[in-house]
Amino acid sequence: MRKLVYYVGVTLDGRIAGPGGEYDFFPAGDEQQSAAYSTWTNTLFPETVPTAYRAAVGLADAPNRHFDTVVMGLGTYRPALDAGITNPYAHLRQYVVSSTLDPDTDPAVTVVPDDPLALVRELKREEGARLNVWLCGGGKLAGVLLPEIDELVIKNYPVVAGAGVPAFDGAFDPTVFDVAERTAFPGGVTLTHLVRR
């Protein structure tokens, strides 16, 4: 059975975005440090780079290494939609969990109006699937899907947001994960891979 992996950037106070959904305040060091960090993460997880930017960072024809499917909430999908991009991850199967999004927004995007747990359980049981499912965000969806999250890949940024979208927004449910690997970058960012205990 394949896994649901929450791959996400997080501030020191556990925010994945600011109160207005902003994420451009995440520091990655100076220009050289930021470039090295981006190159490293893009090479490791090429499928997490939106289709529109893949050519610019040398990933136009890069194969998917970890994921073949992405699940996201409307808040995560909205920035692309607001920019006129209805198919942000054309190289992946895309599911947007939303009760308000028009199901005909794009033929390559499946809108899931309810029960994301059932969706993820079905995706994890798919026969013949060799790559995992990426939970792209957001916090409310991660809170609902916590029982099915098998691994976390957390990019911790050295900044306190003070307010914003939490990484997990759900009921009190202590869930223990073990650190499998941690990489620190000169700009202060750490990338931690955790697996459910």
N, C-alpha and C. Protein backbone atom coordinates (compact mmCIF):
# COMPACT_ATOMS: atom_id res chain seq x y z
N MET A 1 0.85 -1.18 0.00
CA MET A 1 0.00 0.00 0.00
C MET A 1 0.89 1.24 0.00
N ARG A 2 0.51 2.22 -0.81
CA ARG A 2 1.33 3.43 -0.83
C ARG A 2 0.98 4.36 0.31
N LYS A 3 1.75 5.41 0.46
CA LYS A 3 1.65 6.27 1.64
C LYS A 3 1.13 7.66 1.29
N LEU A 4 0.54 8.31 2.31
CA LEU A 4 0.20 9.72 2.23
C LEU A 4 1.31 10.48 2.94
N VAL A 5 1.94 11.40 2.21
CA VAL A 5 3.08 12.15 2.73
C VAL A 5 2.74 13.64 2.72
N TYR A 6 2.82 14.27 3.87
CA TYR A 6 2.58 15.71 3.99
C TYR A 6 3.93 16.40 3.84
N TYR A 7 4.15 16.99 2.67
CA TYR A 7 5.39 17.72 2.36
C TYR A 7 5.04 19.19 2.36
N VAL A 8 5.62 19.94 3.31
CA VAL A 8 5.16 21.31 3.51
C VAL A 8 6.23 22.16 4.19
N GLY A 9 6.20 23.45 3.94
CA GLY A 9 7.06 24.40 4.62
C GLY A 9 6.36 24.96 5.84
N VAL A 10 7.10 25.12 6.95
CA VAL A 10 6.51 25.52 8.22
C VAL A 10 7.40 26.54 8.92
N THR A 11 6.79 27.54 9.53
CA THR A 11 7.52 28.52 10.33
C THR A 11 7.85 27.92 11.70
N LEU A 12 8.64 28.64 12.49
CA LEU A 12 8.98 28.17 13.82
C LEU A 12 7.75 28.02 14.72
N ASP A 13 6.71 28.82 14.45
CA ASP A 13 5.49 28.71 15.25
C ASP A 13 4.41 27.88 14.56
N GLY A 14 4.82 27.03 13.62
CA GLY A 14 3.91 26.04 13.05
C GLY A 14 2.94 26.53 12.01
N ARG A 15 3.27 27.62 11.32
CA ARG A 15 2.37 28.17 10.28
C ARG A 15 2.88 27.79 8.89
N ILE A 16 1.94 27.43 8.01
CA ILE A 16 2.31 27.12 6.63
C ILE A 16 2.03 28.29 5.70
N ALA A 17 1.36 29.30 6.20
CA ALA A 17 1.09 30.53 5.44
C ALA A 17 0.66 31.60 6.43
N GLY A 18 0.69 32.84 5.97
CA GLY A 18 0.23 33.94 6.79
C GLY A 18 -1.29 34.01 6.82
N PRO A 19 -1.88 35.00 7.53
CA PRO A 19 -3.32 35.10 7.66
C PRO A 19 -4.04 35.27 6.33
N GLY A 20 -3.37 35.86 5.34
CA GLY A 20 -3.96 36.05 4.02
C GLY A 20 -3.51 35.01 3.02
N GLY A 21 -2.90 33.93 3.49
CA GLY A 21 -2.41 32.88 2.61
C GLY A 21 -1.02 33.15 2.06
N GLU A 22 -0.39 34.25 2.50
CA GLU A 22 0.94 34.60 1.98
C GLU A 22 2.00 33.62 2.46
N TYR A 23 2.98 33.39 1.59
CA TYR A 23 4.07 32.48 1.91
C TYR A 23 5.40 33.03 1.43
N ASP A 24 5.42 34.26 0.96
CA ASP A 24 6.65 34.86 0.42
C ASP A 24 7.59 35.39 1.49
N PHE A 25 7.24 35.21 2.75
CA PHE A 25 8.08 35.69 3.85
C PHE A 25 9.00 34.60 4.41
N PHE A 26 8.94 33.39 3.85
CA PHE A 26 9.77 32.29 4.33
C PHE A 26 11.22 32.53 3.89
N PRO A 27 12.15 32.76 4.84
CA PRO A 27 13.54 33.03 4.45
C PRO A 27 14.31 31.74 4.17
N ALA A 28 15.19 31.82 3.17
CA ALA A 28 16.03 30.65 2.85
C ALA A 28 17.49 31.06 2.77
N GLY A 29 17.85 32.17 3.42
CA GLY A 29 19.24 32.63 3.41
C GLY A 29 19.50 33.65 2.32
N ASP A 30 20.78 33.94 2.11
CA ASP A 30 21.13 34.90 1.07
C ASP A 30 20.89 34.27 -0.31
N GLU A 31 21.21 35.00 -1.36
CA GLU A 31 20.91 34.53 -2.72
C GLU A 31 21.57 33.18 -3.03
N GLN A 32 22.84 33.06 -2.65
CA GLN A 32 23.56 31.82 -2.93
C GLN A 32 23.00 30.65 -2.10
N GLN A 33 22.73 30.91 -0.81
CA GLN A 33 22.18 29.87 0.05
C GLN A 33 20.79 29.44 -0.43
N SER A 34 19.98 30.41 -0.81
CA SER A 34 18.63 30.12 -1.29
C SER A 34 18.66 29.29 -2.56
N ALA A 35 19.57 29.64 -3.47
CA ALA A 35 19.70 28.90 -4.73
C ALA A 35 20.14 27.45 -4.47
N ALA A 36 21.09 27.28 -3.56
CA ALA A 36 21.57 25.93 -3.24
C ALA A 36 20.45 25.10 -2.61
N TYR A 37 19.71 25.70 -1.69
CA TYR A 37 18.60 25.01 -1.02
C TYR A 37 17.52 24.64 -2.03
N SER A 38 17.14 25.57 -2.88
CA SER A 38 16.09 25.31 -3.88
C SER A 38 16.51 24.22 -4.85
N THR A 39 17.75 24.26 -5.30
CA THR A 39 18.24 23.24 -6.22
C THR A 39 18.20 21.87 -5.57
N TRP A 40 18.62 21.80 -4.31
CA TRP A 40 18.64 20.52 -3.59
C TRP A 40 17.22 19.97 -3.43
N THR A 41 16.27 20.80 -2.95
CA THR A 41 14.90 20.31 -2.73
C THR A 41 14.20 20.00 -4.05
N ASN A 42 14.44 20.82 -5.08
CA ASN A 42 13.81 20.58 -6.38
C ASN A 42 14.32 19.29 -7.01
N THR A 43 15.58 18.98 -6.80
CA THR A 43 16.14 17.74 -7.33
C THR A 43 15.59 16.54 -6.57
N LEU A 44 15.45 16.68 -5.26
CA LEU A 44 14.94 15.59 -4.43
C LEU A 44 13.45 15.35 -4.66
N PHE A 45 12.68 16.44 -4.78
CA PHE A 45 11.23 16.35 -4.96
C PHE A 45 10.79 17.15 -6.19
N PRO A 46 11.19 16.73 -7.40
CA PRO A 46 10.88 17.53 -8.59
C PRO A 46 9.39 17.68 -8.86
N GLU A 47 8.60 16.69 -8.45
CA GLU A 47 7.17 16.73 -8.73
C GLU A 47 6.43 17.79 -7.91
N THR A 48 7.08 18.34 -6.88
CA THR A 48 6.42 19.36 -6.06
C THR A 48 6.57 20.76 -6.65
N VAL A 49 7.32 20.88 -7.74
CA VAL A 49 7.45 22.16 -8.43
C VAL A 49 6.28 22.29 -9.41
N PRO A 50 5.49 23.37 -9.31
CA PRO A 50 4.36 23.53 -10.23
C PRO A 50 4.81 23.48 -11.69
N THR A 51 3.96 22.94 -12.52
CA THR A 51 4.27 22.74 -13.93
C THR A 51 4.76 24.01 -14.61
N ALA A 52 4.16 25.15 -14.29
CA ALA A 52 4.52 26.41 -14.94
C ALA A 52 5.95 26.84 -14.67
N TYR A 53 6.57 26.34 -13.60
CA TYR A 53 7.92 26.74 -13.22
C TYR A 53 8.97 25.67 -13.48
N ARG A 54 8.56 24.50 -13.90
CA ARG A 54 9.50 23.39 -14.03
C ARG A 54 10.60 23.67 -15.06
N ALA A 55 10.24 24.22 -16.20
CA ALA A 55 11.26 24.50 -17.24
C ALA A 55 12.27 25.52 -16.74
N ALA A 56 11.81 26.53 -16.03
CA ALA A 56 12.69 27.60 -15.56
C ALA A 56 13.75 27.10 -14.58
N VAL A 57 13.44 26.02 -13.86
CA VAL A 57 14.40 25.48 -12.90
C VAL A 57 15.04 24.18 -13.39
N GLY A 58 14.93 23.92 -14.69
CA GLY A 58 15.59 22.77 -15.29
C GLY A 58 14.93 21.43 -15.04
N LEU A 59 13.61 21.45 -14.76
CA LEU A 59 12.91 20.20 -14.45
C LEU A 59 11.82 19.86 -15.46
N ALA A 60 11.86 20.47 -16.63
CA ALA A 60 10.79 20.28 -17.61
C ALA A 60 10.48 18.81 -17.87
N ASP A 61 11.51 18.00 -18.01
CA ASP A 61 11.32 16.58 -18.32
C ASP A 61 11.69 15.66 -17.16
N ALA A 62 11.83 16.22 -15.97
CA ALA A 62 12.22 15.41 -14.82
C ALA A 62 11.10 14.44 -14.45
N PRO A 63 11.44 13.17 -14.25
CA PRO A 63 10.41 12.21 -13.85
C PRO A 63 10.01 12.42 -12.38
N ASN A 64 8.80 11.99 -12.07
CA ASN A 64 8.34 12.03 -10.69
C ASN A 64 9.13 11.00 -9.89
N ARG A 65 9.66 11.41 -8.74
CA ARG A 65 10.48 10.51 -7.93
C ARG A 65 9.72 9.90 -6.77
N HIS A 66 8.83 10.70 -6.15
CA HIS A 66 8.16 10.24 -4.93
C HIS A 66 6.64 10.17 -5.05
N PHE A 67 6.05 11.06 -5.83
CA PHE A 67 4.60 11.19 -5.88
C PHE A 67 4.08 11.13 -7.31
N ASP A 68 2.88 10.54 -7.46
CA ASP A 68 2.19 10.62 -8.75
C ASP A 68 0.82 11.27 -8.61
N THR A 69 0.47 11.62 -7.36
CA THR A 69 -0.84 12.19 -7.05
C THR A 69 -0.68 13.28 -6.01
N VAL A 70 -1.46 14.34 -6.14
CA VAL A 70 -1.45 15.42 -5.15
C VAL A 70 -2.88 15.66 -4.66
N VAL A 71 -3.00 15.87 -3.35
CA VAL A 71 -4.28 16.21 -2.72
C VAL A 71 -4.07 17.54 -2.02
N MET A 72 -4.99 18.47 -2.25
CA MET A 72 -4.88 19.80 -1.64
C MET A 72 -6.25 20.35 -1.32
N GLY A 73 -6.28 21.34 -0.42
CA GLY A 73 -7.50 22.05 -0.12
C GLY A 73 -7.64 23.25 -1.05
N LEU A 74 -8.78 23.90 -0.98
CA LEU A 74 -9.03 25.05 -1.85
C LEU A 74 -8.07 26.20 -1.56
N GLY A 75 -7.70 26.40 -0.30
CA GLY A 75 -6.77 27.47 0.04
C GLY A 75 -5.41 27.29 -0.62
N THR A 76 -4.98 26.05 -0.80
CA THR A 76 -3.72 25.76 -1.48
C THR A 76 -3.86 25.91 -2.99
N TYR A 77 -5.02 25.54 -3.51
CA TYR A 77 -5.28 25.61 -4.95
C TYR A 77 -5.55 27.05 -5.40
N ARG A 78 -6.10 27.87 -4.51
CA ARG A 78 -6.56 29.22 -4.85
C ARG A 78 -5.50 30.12 -5.49
N PRO A 79 -4.25 30.20 -5.00
CA PRO A 79 -3.28 31.09 -5.66
C PRO A 79 -3.09 30.79 -7.15
N ALA A 80 -3.03 29.52 -7.51
CA ALA A 80 -2.91 29.17 -8.92
C ALA A 80 -4.17 29.58 -9.68
N LEU A 81 -5.31 29.29 -9.10
CA LEU A 81 -6.59 29.63 -9.73
C LEU A 81 -6.70 31.14 -9.95
N ASP A 82 -6.30 31.92 -8.93
CA ASP A 82 -6.35 33.39 -9.04
C ASP A 82 -5.41 33.91 -10.12
N ALA A 83 -4.36 33.14 -10.44
CA ALA A 83 -3.41 33.52 -11.48
C ALA A 83 -3.83 32.99 -12.85
N GLY A 84 -5.01 32.37 -12.90
CA GLY A 84 -5.52 31.85 -14.16
C GLY A 84 -5.00 30.46 -14.50
N ILE A 85 -4.38 29.79 -13.53
CA ILE A 85 -3.85 28.45 -13.74
C ILE A 85 -4.79 27.46 -13.07
N THR A 86 -5.51 26.70 -13.88
CA THR A 86 -6.47 25.74 -13.33
C THR A 86 -5.89 24.34 -13.18
N ASN A 87 -4.71 24.12 -13.76
CA ASN A 87 -4.07 22.81 -13.76
C ASN A 87 -2.62 22.97 -13.28
N PRO A 88 -2.40 23.29 -11.98
CA PRO A 88 -1.06 23.66 -11.51
C PRO A 88 -0.03 22.54 -11.51
N TYR A 89 -0.47 21.31 -11.39
CA TYR A 89 0.45 20.17 -11.35
C TYR A 89 0.06 19.17 -12.44
N ALA A 90 0.23 19.59 -13.68
CA ALA A 90 -0.20 18.77 -14.83
C ALA A 90 0.54 17.44 -14.88
N HIS A 91 1.67 17.34 -14.23
CA HIS A 91 2.47 16.11 -14.21
C HIS A 91 2.02 15.14 -13.12
N LEU A 92 0.98 15.49 -12.37
CA LEU A 92 0.42 14.64 -11.31
C LEU A 92 -1.09 14.52 -11.48
N ARG A 93 -1.67 13.47 -10.88
CA ARG A 93 -3.13 13.45 -10.75
C ARG A 93 -3.46 14.41 -9.61
N GLN A 94 -4.46 15.25 -9.82
CA GLN A 94 -4.75 16.32 -8.87
C GLN A 94 -6.16 16.20 -8.30
N TYR A 95 -6.23 16.31 -6.97
CA TYR A 95 -7.51 16.30 -6.26
C TYR A 95 -7.57 17.55 -5.39
N VAL A 96 -8.66 18.30 -5.50
CA VAL A 96 -8.88 19.47 -4.66
C VAL A 96 -10.10 19.18 -3.80
N VAL A 97 -9.92 19.22 -2.49
CA VAL A 97 -11.02 18.99 -1.57
C VAL A 97 -11.70 20.32 -1.30
N SER A 98 -12.93 20.44 -1.78
CA SER A 98 -13.68 21.69 -1.62
C SER A 98 -15.16 21.45 -1.87
N SER A 99 -15.99 22.02 -1.00
CA SER A 99 -17.44 21.92 -1.19
C SER A 99 -17.97 23.10 -2.00
N THR A 100 -17.10 24.07 -2.33
CA THR A 100 -17.57 25.27 -3.04
C THR A 100 -16.98 25.42 -4.44
N LEU A 101 -15.89 24.72 -4.75
CA LEU A 101 -15.26 24.85 -6.06
C LEU A 101 -16.10 24.16 -7.13
N ASP A 102 -16.23 24.82 -8.28
CA ASP A 102 -16.96 24.25 -9.41
C ASP A 102 -16.27 22.96 -9.85
N PRO A 103 -16.99 21.83 -9.90
CA PRO A 103 -16.37 20.57 -10.28
C PRO A 103 -15.84 20.56 -11.71
N ASP A 104 -16.27 21.51 -12.53
CA ASP A 104 -15.82 21.59 -13.93
C ASP A 104 -14.72 22.63 -14.12
N THR A 105 -14.01 22.98 -13.06
CA THR A 105 -12.96 23.99 -13.16
C THR A 105 -11.91 23.61 -14.18
N ASP A 106 -11.49 22.35 -14.18
CA ASP A 106 -10.51 21.86 -15.15
C ASP A 106 -10.68 20.35 -15.25
N PRO A 107 -10.68 19.79 -16.46
CA PRO A 107 -10.87 18.34 -16.59
C PRO A 107 -9.74 17.52 -15.96
N ALA A 108 -8.58 18.12 -15.74
CA ALA A 108 -7.45 17.40 -15.14
C ALA A 108 -7.46 17.46 -13.62
N VAL A 109 -8.41 18.19 -13.05
CA VAL A 109 -8.49 18.35 -11.59
C VAL A 109 -9.80 17.76 -11.11
N THR A 110 -9.71 16.81 -10.19
CA THR A 110 -10.90 16.20 -9.61
C THR A 110 -11.26 16.95 -8.33
N VAL A 111 -12.45 17.51 -8.30
CA VAL A 111 -12.93 18.21 -7.11
C VAL A 111 -13.66 17.21 -6.23
N VAL A 112 -13.26 17.16 -4.96
CA VAL A 112 -13.83 16.23 -3.99
C VAL A 112 -14.63 17.07 -2.99
N PRO A 113 -15.97 17.02 -3.06
CA PRO A 113 -16.77 17.90 -2.22
C PRO A 113 -16.84 17.52 -0.74
N ASP A 114 -16.56 16.25 -0.44
CA ASP A 114 -16.64 15.82 0.96
C ASP A 114 -15.86 14.53 1.17
N ASP A 115 -15.68 14.14 2.40
CA ASP A 115 -15.04 12.90 2.82
C ASP A 115 -13.65 12.68 2.24
N PRO A 116 -12.71 13.58 2.55
CA PRO A 116 -11.34 13.39 2.05
C PRO A 116 -10.67 12.13 2.61
N LEU A 117 -11.10 11.67 3.79
CA LEU A 117 -10.54 10.44 4.34
C LEU A 117 -10.83 9.25 3.42
N ALA A 118 -12.06 9.17 2.92
CA ALA A 118 -12.41 8.07 2.01
C ALA A 118 -11.59 8.16 0.73
N LEU A 119 -11.40 9.38 0.22
CA LEU A 119 -10.59 9.58 -0.98
C LEU A 119 -9.18 9.05 -0.76
N VAL A 120 -8.55 9.48 0.32
CA VAL A 120 -7.16 9.10 0.58
C VAL A 120 -7.04 7.59 0.80
N ARG A 121 -7.96 7.01 1.51
CA ARG A 121 -7.92 5.56 1.73
C ARG A 121 -8.01 4.81 0.40
N GLU A 122 -8.86 5.31 -0.50
CA GLU A 122 -8.98 4.69 -1.82
C GLU A 122 -7.69 4.86 -2.62
N LEU A 123 -7.10 6.05 -2.59
CA LEU A 123 -5.85 6.30 -3.31
C LEU A 123 -4.72 5.42 -2.79
N LYS A 124 -4.67 5.24 -1.49
CA LYS A 124 -3.60 4.43 -0.90
C LYS A 124 -3.72 2.96 -1.26
N ARG A 125 -4.94 2.49 -1.53
CA ARG A 125 -5.16 1.07 -1.86
C ARG A 125 -5.05 0.76 -3.34
N GLU A 126 -4.82 1.76 -4.18
CA GLU A 126 -4.79 1.52 -5.62
C GLU A 126 -3.77 0.45 -5.99
N GLU A 127 -4.20 -0.48 -6.78
CA GLU A 127 -3.34 -1.57 -7.24
C GLU A 127 -2.34 -1.04 -8.27
N GLY A 128 -1.12 -1.50 -8.17
CA GLY A 128 -0.10 -1.17 -9.16
C GLY A 128 0.54 0.20 -9.01
N ALA A 129 0.08 1.00 -8.07
CA ALA A 129 0.67 2.33 -7.88
C ALA A 129 2.04 2.17 -7.22
N ARG A 130 3.06 2.80 -7.79
CA ARG A 130 4.40 2.65 -7.24
C ARG A 130 4.89 3.89 -6.52
N LEU A 131 4.20 5.02 -6.71
CA LEU A 131 4.60 6.27 -6.05
C LEU A 131 3.54 6.67 -5.03
N ASN A 132 3.93 7.53 -4.10
CA ASN A 132 3.06 7.92 -3.00
C ASN A 132 2.15 9.08 -3.37
N VAL A 133 1.29 9.43 -2.40
CA VAL A 133 0.35 10.54 -2.54
C VAL A 133 0.89 11.72 -1.74
N TRP A 134 0.95 12.88 -2.36
CA TRP A 134 1.44 14.09 -1.71
C TRP A 134 0.28 14.91 -1.18
N LEU A 135 0.27 15.13 0.12
CA LEU A 135 -0.65 16.09 0.72
C LEU A 135 0.05 17.43 0.68
N CYS A 136 -0.44 18.31 -0.17
CA CYS A 136 0.19 19.60 -0.42
C CYS A 136 -0.27 20.64 0.60
N GLY A 137 -1.44 20.51 1.12
CA GLY A 137 -2.00 21.45 2.09
C GLY A 137 -3.49 21.57 1.87
N GLY A 138 -4.11 22.26 2.74
CA GLY A 138 -3.66 23.10 3.82
C GLY A 138 -3.89 22.50 5.19
N GLY A 139 -3.87 23.41 6.15
CA GLY A 139 -3.90 23.01 7.54
C GLY A 139 -5.18 22.31 7.98
N LYS A 140 -6.32 22.80 7.51
CA LYS A 140 -7.59 22.15 7.89
C LYS A 140 -7.65 20.74 7.30
N LEU A 141 -7.24 20.63 6.03
CA LEU A 141 -7.24 19.32 5.38
C LEU A 141 -6.26 18.38 6.08
N ALA A 142 -5.09 18.88 6.45
CA ALA A 142 -4.10 18.05 7.16
C ALA A 142 -4.67 17.59 8.50
N GLY A 143 -5.42 18.46 9.17
CA GLY A 143 -6.04 18.07 10.43
C GLY A 143 -7.03 16.94 10.26
N VAL A 144 -7.82 16.99 9.19
CA VAL A 144 -8.80 15.94 8.90
C VAL A 144 -8.10 14.64 8.50
N LEU A 145 -7.03 14.77 7.72
CA LEU A 145 -6.35 13.59 7.18
C LEU A 145 -5.26 13.02 8.10
N LEU A 146 -5.06 13.61 9.27
CA LEU A 146 -4.02 13.14 10.18
C LEU A 146 -4.05 11.63 10.41
N PRO A 147 -5.23 11.00 10.56
CA PRO A 147 -5.22 9.54 10.77
C PRO A 147 -4.60 8.75 9.62
N GLU A 148 -4.53 9.34 8.43
CA GLU A 148 -4.00 8.64 7.27
C GLU A 148 -2.60 9.12 6.85
N ILE A 149 -2.06 10.12 7.52
CA ILE A 149 -0.72 10.61 7.16
C ILE A 149 0.33 9.62 7.67
N ASP A 150 1.11 9.09 6.73
CA ASP A 150 2.13 8.10 7.06
C ASP A 150 3.49 8.72 7.30
N GLU A 151 3.78 9.79 6.56
CA GLU A 151 5.09 10.44 6.67
C GLU A 151 4.92 11.95 6.57
N LEU A 152 5.87 12.65 7.17
CA LEU A 152 5.95 14.11 7.08
C LEU A 152 7.31 14.47 6.50
N VAL A 153 7.32 15.42 5.60
CA VAL A 153 8.57 16.01 5.14
C VAL A 153 8.39 17.51 5.39
N ILE A 154 9.02 17.97 6.46
CA ILE A 154 8.81 19.33 6.95
C ILE A 154 10.02 20.20 6.65
N LYS A 155 9.78 21.27 5.92
CA LYS A 155 10.81 22.28 5.68
C LYS A 155 10.61 23.36 6.74
N ASN A 156 11.46 23.39 7.77
CA ASN A 156 11.34 24.38 8.84
C ASN A 156 12.15 25.62 8.49
N TYR A 157 11.49 26.76 8.50
CA TYR A 157 12.13 28.04 8.17
C TYR A 157 12.36 28.84 9.44
N PRO A 158 13.48 29.55 9.56
CA PRO A 158 13.81 30.29 10.78
C PRO A 158 13.07 31.63 10.86
N VAL A 159 11.76 31.55 10.98
CA VAL A 159 10.93 32.75 11.08
C VAL A 159 9.70 32.44 11.92
N VAL A 160 9.25 33.42 12.69
CA VAL A 160 8.01 33.31 13.45
C VAL A 160 6.97 34.16 12.73
N ALA A 161 5.84 33.57 12.36
CA ALA A 161 4.79 34.29 11.65
C ALA A 161 3.91 35.08 12.62
N GLY A 162 3.64 34.53 13.78
CA GLY A 162 2.79 35.21 14.75
C GLY A 162 1.30 34.92 14.55
N ALA A 163 0.91 34.66 13.33
CA ALA A 163 -0.48 34.32 13.01
C ALA A 163 -0.47 33.70 11.63
N GLY A 164 -1.57 33.05 11.28
CA GLY A 164 -1.66 32.47 9.96
C GLY A 164 -2.25 31.08 9.97
N VAL A 165 -2.02 30.35 8.90
CA VAL A 165 -2.59 29.02 8.71
C VAL A 165 -1.71 28.00 9.43
N PRO A 166 -2.26 27.26 10.41
CA PRO A 166 -1.45 26.27 11.11
C PRO A 166 -1.19 25.05 10.23
N ALA A 167 -0.11 24.35 10.49
CA ALA A 167 0.22 23.14 9.72
C ALA A 167 -0.85 22.08 9.89
N PHE A 168 -1.43 22.00 11.08
CA PHE A 168 -2.54 21.08 11.37
C PHE A 168 -3.61 21.86 12.11
N ASP A 169 -4.80 21.88 11.57
CA ASP A 169 -5.91 22.59 12.20
C ASP A 169 -7.05 21.59 12.37
N GLY A 170 -7.07 20.94 13.53
CA GLY A 170 -8.09 19.92 13.77
C GLY A 170 -8.26 19.68 15.25
N ALA A 171 -8.87 18.58 15.57
CA ALA A 171 -9.13 18.21 16.96
C ALA A 171 -7.83 17.81 17.64
N PHE A 172 -7.82 17.89 18.97
CA PHE A 172 -6.68 17.45 19.76
C PHE A 172 -6.50 15.95 19.55
N ASP A 173 -5.37 15.57 18.98
CA ASP A 173 -5.13 14.17 18.64
C ASP A 173 -3.63 13.92 18.60
N PRO A 174 -2.96 13.81 19.75
CA PRO A 174 -1.51 13.61 19.76
C PRO A 174 -1.11 12.39 18.93
N THR A 175 -0.27 12.62 17.94
CA THR A 175 0.16 11.57 17.02
C THR A 175 1.68 11.63 16.94
N VAL A 176 2.33 10.55 17.27
CA VAL A 176 3.79 10.53 17.36
C VAL A 176 4.41 10.10 16.04
N PHE A 177 5.42 10.85 15.62
CA PHE A 177 6.22 10.51 14.45
C PHE A 177 7.68 10.43 14.90
N ASP A 178 8.45 9.57 14.25
CA ASP A 178 9.87 9.44 14.53
C ASP A 178 10.67 10.12 13.44
N VAL A 179 11.75 10.78 13.82
CA VAL A 179 12.63 11.42 12.85
C VAL A 179 13.44 10.35 12.13
N ALA A 180 13.32 10.31 10.80
CA ALA A 180 14.09 9.36 10.00
C ALA A 180 15.36 10.00 9.46
N GLU A 181 15.28 11.30 9.18
CA GLU A 181 16.43 11.99 8.60
C GLU A 181 16.23 13.49 8.76
N ARG A 182 17.32 14.21 8.97
CA ARG A 182 17.25 15.67 9.07
C ARG A 182 18.46 16.26 8.37
N THR A 183 18.20 17.27 7.53
CA THR A 183 19.26 17.96 6.80
C THR A 183 19.17 19.45 7.12
N ALA A 184 20.29 20.05 7.51
CA ALA A 184 20.33 21.48 7.80
C ALA A 184 21.04 22.20 6.67
N PHE A 185 20.55 23.39 6.33
CA PHE A 185 21.12 24.19 5.25
C PHE A 185 21.73 25.46 5.83
N PRO A 186 22.77 26.01 5.18
CA PRO A 186 23.45 27.20 5.69
C PRO A 186 22.53 28.40 5.93
N GLY A 187 21.44 28.51 5.21
CA GLY A 187 20.53 29.65 5.40
C GLY A 187 19.62 29.52 6.60
N GLY A 188 19.75 28.42 7.35
CA GLY A 188 18.94 28.24 8.55
C GLY A 188 17.73 27.34 8.37
N VAL A 189 17.48 26.89 7.16
CA VAL A 189 16.35 25.99 6.90
C VAL A 189 16.77 24.56 7.24
N THR A 190 15.85 23.80 7.82
CA THR A 190 16.08 22.37 8.01
C THR A 190 14.98 21.60 7.31
N LEU A 191 15.33 20.45 6.77
CA LEU A 191 14.35 19.56 6.16
C LEU A 191 14.36 18.28 6.96
N THR A 192 13.21 17.94 7.52
CA THR A 192 13.10 16.77 8.39
C THR A 192 12.09 15.79 7.82
N HIS A 193 12.52 14.54 7.70
CA HIS A 193 11.66 13.46 7.24
C HIS A 193 11.26 12.65 8.47
N LEU A 194 9.95 12.53 8.69
CA LEU A 194 9.44 11.80 9.85
C LEU A 194 8.49 10.71 9.39
N VAL A 195 8.45 9.61 10.14
CA VAL A 195 7.54 8.52 9.84
C VAL A 195 6.66 8.24 11.05
N ARG A 196 5.43 7.87 10.77
CA ARG A 196 4.51 7.57 11.87
C ARG A 196 4.99 6.38 12.67
N ARG A 197 4.93 6.53 13.97
CA ARG A 197 5.39 5.46 14.87
C ARG A 197 4.36 4.33 14.88
